[in-house]
Amino acid sequence: MESIVTNPLPNSNSDRVRRKKKKKTSAAAATATLKTNQQRQNQNQSNNHTRWKSEAQQQIYSSKLIQALSQVNLNGNHSSPSAPRRGRAVREAADRALAVAAKGRTRWSRAILTSRVKLKFRKEKRQRSGSVSAATVTGVTGRNRSRKQRFSVLKLKAKSVQRKVKVLGRLVPGCRKQPLPVILEEATDYIAALEMQVRAMSALADLLSGSGSATSSSPPTSQ
């Protein structure tokens, strides 16, 4: 009987080709999903920016702003607060109305809505924690000044960029410890919302000043 010897090389080559094809298809699918996700994110960002520029969104915010300001007036009638405290209350009411108009879809709007609760916890912590003595602070600063380090130009540039990112994260609510892409995305939406807030508040101020001048200029009624 003739012995038939099977050669396993063609089968192994075909398996390798199949594996390579599977890898290529999976990589192509992954890149396609990444592209679609990026396109959706860009579309959502553009929709958010155009939403803040629309007249309908400005009218919604104006109605919520009037409600918030009426609540401030009702609370102010019971007690007579000082001018700085009243201005702070108006600013907080305007920011809360802006966050409500955003419907909590962004990080900055959620941070504004939860800021009152966080302020209460911070006040309690400050009362519990004792103040640090001035002697220890001066000793630490003296030691830090004595340890001067030499930085290269690249490190200095990186530090300046990190400082700017930190400052931007502090300016945008809820982005203090977030990475740069999140900070940029939230900042662009927050700036567009603030521009709409300025437009709505200026229109409301013009309306109130016009109604006030009209009432003052009207002649007195004859009895």
Protein backbone atom coordinates (compact mmCIF):
# COMPACT_ATOMS: atom_id res chain seq x y z
CA MET A 1 0.00 0.00 0.00
CA GLU A 2 1.22 3.40 -0.86
CA SER A 3 1.45 5.71 2.13
CA ILE A 4 -0.20 9.02 1.52
CA VAL A 5 1.57 11.82 3.43
CA THR A 6 -0.54 14.94 3.96
CA ASN A 7 1.26 18.24 3.89
CA PRO A 8 0.03 20.55 6.71
CA LEU A 9 1.63 23.71 5.24
CA PRO A 10 -1.27 24.80 2.99
CA ASN A 11 -3.74 24.51 5.87
CA SER A 12 -1.52 26.61 8.17
CA ASN A 13 -1.06 29.23 5.45
CA SER A 14 -4.79 29.46 4.91
CA ASP A 15 -5.30 29.87 8.67
CA ARG A 16 -2.81 32.73 8.73
CA VAL A 17 -4.53 34.41 5.81
CA ARG A 18 -7.89 34.10 7.59
CA ARG A 19 -6.47 35.55 10.80
CA LYS A 20 -4.97 38.48 8.91
CA LYS A 21 -8.29 39.12 7.19
CA LYS A 22 -10.11 39.01 10.53
CA LYS A 23 -7.62 41.48 12.04
CA LYS A 24 -8.00 43.83 9.09
CA THR A 25 -11.79 43.71 9.26
CA SER A 26 -11.82 44.27 13.04
CA ALA A 27 -9.40 47.20 12.70
CA ALA A 28 -11.50 48.70 9.92
CA ALA A 29 -14.66 48.30 12.04
CA ALA A 30 -12.95 49.93 15.03
CA THR A 31 -11.81 52.90 12.95
CA ALA A 32 -15.29 53.23 11.46
CA THR A 33 -16.91 53.27 14.90
CA LEU A 34 -14.37 55.86 16.11
CA LYS A 35 -15.13 58.05 13.10
CA THR A 36 -18.88 57.79 13.67
CA ASN A 37 -18.48 58.62 17.37
CA GLN A 38 -16.34 61.65 16.52
CA GLN A 39 -18.86 62.79 13.93
CA ARG A 40 -21.68 62.43 16.46
CA GLN A 41 -19.72 64.41 19.06
CA ASN A 42 -18.97 67.16 16.55
CA GLN A 43 -22.60 67.23 15.48
CA ASN A 44 -23.76 67.47 19.09
CA GLN A 45 -21.32 70.31 19.75
CA SER A 46 -22.48 72.23 16.69
CA ASN A 47 -26.11 71.63 17.65
CA ASN A 48 -25.45 72.94 21.15
CA HIS A 49 -23.74 76.07 19.83
CA THR A 50 -26.49 76.80 17.32
CA ARG A 51 -29.09 76.10 20.01
CA TRP A 52 -27.73 78.89 22.22
CA LYS A 53 -27.86 81.28 19.25
CA SER A 54 -31.53 80.62 18.47
CA GLU A 55 -34.30 83.04 19.40
CA ALA A 56 -36.44 80.23 20.86
CA GLN A 57 -33.73 79.28 23.36
CA GLN A 58 -33.28 82.93 24.31
CA GLN A 59 -37.03 83.25 24.98
CA ILE A 60 -36.97 80.09 27.12
CA TYR A 61 -34.07 81.43 29.13
CA SER A 62 -35.72 84.86 29.48
CA SER A 63 -38.86 83.30 30.96
CA LYS A 64 -36.80 81.22 33.41
CA LEU A 65 -34.73 84.31 34.28
CA ILE A 66 -37.84 86.36 35.07
CA GLN A 67 -39.11 83.57 37.34
CA ALA A 68 -35.76 83.37 39.16
CA LEU A 69 -35.56 87.15 39.59
CA SER A 70 -39.12 87.28 40.94
CA GLN A 71 -38.10 84.69 43.55
CA VAL A 72 -35.14 86.89 44.51
CA ASN A 73 -37.46 89.89 44.90
CA LEU A 74 -39.88 87.88 47.03
CA ASN A 75 -37.07 86.74 49.32
CA GLY A 76 -35.66 90.27 49.46
CA ASN A 77 -38.93 91.76 50.65
CA HIS A 78 -38.72 89.90 53.97
CA SER A 79 -35.25 91.23 54.79
CA SER A 80 -33.28 94.18 53.46
CA PRO A 81 -29.91 92.76 52.26
CA SER A 82 -26.98 94.93 51.30
CA ALA A 83 -26.23 95.84 47.68
CA PRO A 84 -23.34 93.32 47.21
CA ARG A 85 -25.42 90.47 48.63
CA ARG A 86 -28.37 91.39 46.43
CA GLY A 87 -26.13 91.55 43.34
CA ARG A 88 -24.70 88.15 44.21
CA ALA A 89 -28.21 86.73 44.58
CA VAL A 90 -29.19 88.11 41.16
CA ARG A 91 -26.08 86.65 39.56
CA GLU A 92 -26.67 83.24 41.16
CA ALA A 93 -30.30 83.31 40.02
CA ALA A 94 -29.25 84.13 36.45
CA ASP A 95 -26.68 81.32 36.45
CA ARG A 96 -29.18 78.82 37.85
CA ALA A 97 -31.70 79.80 35.18
CA LEU A 98 -28.99 79.25 32.56
CA ALA A 99 -28.21 75.79 33.97
CA VAL A 100 -31.91 74.90 34.01
CA ALA A 101 -32.18 76.02 30.37
CA ALA A 102 -29.27 73.68 29.57
CA LYS A 103 -31.31 70.83 31.18
CA GLY A 104 -28.26 69.41 32.93
CA ARG A 105 -26.83 67.98 29.72
CA THR A 106 -23.40 69.51 30.29
CA ARG A 107 -20.97 69.26 33.16
CA TRP A 108 -21.00 73.01 33.87
CA SER A 109 -24.81 73.11 34.15
CA ARG A 110 -24.84 70.19 36.61
CA ALA A 111 -22.10 71.87 38.64
CA ILE A 112 -24.12 75.10 38.91
CA LEU A 113 -27.26 73.23 39.96
CA THR A 114 -25.40 71.34 42.71
CA SER A 115 -23.32 74.32 43.88
CA ARG A 116 -25.63 75.22 46.79
CA VAL A 117 -25.27 71.81 48.42
CA LYS A 118 -21.49 71.90 48.01
CA LEU A 119 -21.30 75.37 49.59
CA LYS A 120 -23.10 74.12 52.70
CA PHE A 121 -20.66 71.22 53.10
CA ARG A 122 -17.68 73.54 52.58
CA LYS A 123 -18.88 75.92 55.29
CA GLU A 124 -19.25 73.03 57.74
CA LYS A 125 -15.75 71.78 56.92
CA ARG A 126 -14.25 75.24 57.38
CA GLN A 127 -15.84 75.56 60.78
CA ARG A 128 -14.51 72.17 61.85
CA SER A 129 -10.97 72.56 60.53
CA GLY A 130 -8.67 74.84 62.51
CA SER A 131 -6.58 77.62 61.02
CA VAL A 132 -2.92 76.90 60.23
CA SER A 133 -0.43 78.90 62.29
CA ALA A 134 1.60 81.60 60.54
CA ALA A 135 4.92 80.29 61.86
CA THR A 136 4.64 76.94 60.09
CA VAL A 137 3.63 78.66 56.85
CA THR A 138 6.63 80.99 56.91
CA GLY A 139 8.96 78.07 57.65
CA VAL A 140 7.69 76.06 54.70
CA THR A 141 7.93 79.02 52.32
CA GLY A 142 11.49 79.72 53.44
CA ARG A 143 12.54 76.15 52.74
CA ASN A 144 10.84 76.17 49.33
CA ARG A 145 12.61 79.38 48.34
CA SER A 146 15.99 77.97 49.33
CA ARG A 147 15.47 74.92 47.08
CA LYS A 148 15.67 76.54 43.67
CA GLN A 149 15.56 74.13 40.73
CA ARG A 150 16.73 74.75 37.22
CA PHE A 151 14.12 74.05 34.58
CA SER A 152 14.69 73.68 30.87
CA VAL A 153 12.77 75.66 28.25
CA LEU A 154 10.52 72.72 27.42
CA LYS A 155 9.58 72.19 31.06
CA LEU A 156 8.79 75.87 31.46
CA LYS A 157 6.56 75.79 28.37
CA ALA A 158 4.79 72.68 29.65
CA LYS A 159 4.27 74.33 33.01
CA SER A 160 2.83 77.47 31.41
CA VAL A 161 0.42 75.36 29.35
CA GLN A 162 -0.61 73.44 32.47
CA ARG A 163 -1.23 76.73 34.29
CA LYS A 164 -3.45 78.00 31.48
CA VAL A 165 -5.40 74.73 31.45
CA LYS A 166 -5.87 74.98 35.23
CA VAL A 167 -7.09 78.57 34.96
CA LEU A 168 -9.54 77.60 32.21
CA GLY A 169 -10.76 74.67 34.29
CA ARG A 170 -11.39 76.99 37.23
CA LEU A 171 -13.36 79.42 35.09
CA VAL A 172 -15.71 76.74 33.73
CA PRO A 173 -17.92 75.24 36.48
CA GLY A 174 -17.35 71.56 37.16
CA CYS A 175 -14.11 71.36 35.13
CA ARG A 176 -11.48 71.94 37.81
CA LYS A 177 -9.93 68.45 37.59
CA GLN A 178 -10.90 67.45 34.07
CA PRO A 179 -8.60 66.67 31.09
CA LEU A 180 -8.00 69.22 28.36
CA PRO A 181 -10.47 67.83 25.75
CA VAL A 182 -13.33 67.89 28.28
CA ILE A 183 -12.40 71.42 29.39
CA LEU A 184 -12.33 72.70 25.80
CA GLU A 185 -15.68 71.07 24.95
CA GLU A 186 -17.35 72.44 28.08
CA ALA A 187 -15.77 75.89 27.66
CA THR A 188 -17.06 76.31 24.10
CA ASP A 189 -20.60 75.42 25.18
CA TYR A 190 -20.37 77.58 28.33
CA ILE A 191 -19.14 80.62 26.37
CA ALA A 192 -22.00 80.28 23.88
CA ALA A 193 -24.48 80.04 26.77
CA LEU A 194 -22.98 83.12 28.45
CA GLU A 195 -23.27 85.10 25.21
CA MET A 196 -26.94 84.18 25.04
CA GLN A 197 -27.32 85.17 28.70
CA VAL A 198 -25.85 88.61 27.99
CA ARG A 199 -28.23 89.10 25.04
CA ALA A 200 -31.26 88.08 27.08
CA MET A 201 -30.34 90.24 30.08
CA SER A 202 -29.59 93.30 27.92
CA ALA A 203 -32.93 92.87 26.12
CA LEU A 204 -34.70 92.58 29.48
CA ALA A 205 -32.91 95.68 30.77
CA ASP A 206 -33.89 97.64 27.65
CA LEU A 207 -37.50 96.52 28.07
CA LEU A 208 -37.60 97.56 31.73
CA SER A 209 -35.92 100.91 31.06
CA GLY A 210 -38.34 101.61 28.20
CA SER A 211 -41.38 100.80 30.34
CA GLY A 212 -40.01 102.94 33.18
CA SER A 213 -39.41 105.93 30.93
CA ALA A 214 -42.88 105.54 29.42
CA THR A 215 -44.54 105.60 32.85
CA SER A 216 -42.49 108.61 33.98
CA SER A 217 -43.20 110.58 30.80
CA SER A 218 -46.96 109.94 30.88
CA PRO A 219 -48.92 113.08 31.93
CA PRO A 220 -50.75 113.04 35.27
CA THR A 221 -54.45 112.35 35.11
CA SER A 222 -56.73 115.29 35.89
CA GLN A 223 -59.06 114.78 38.80
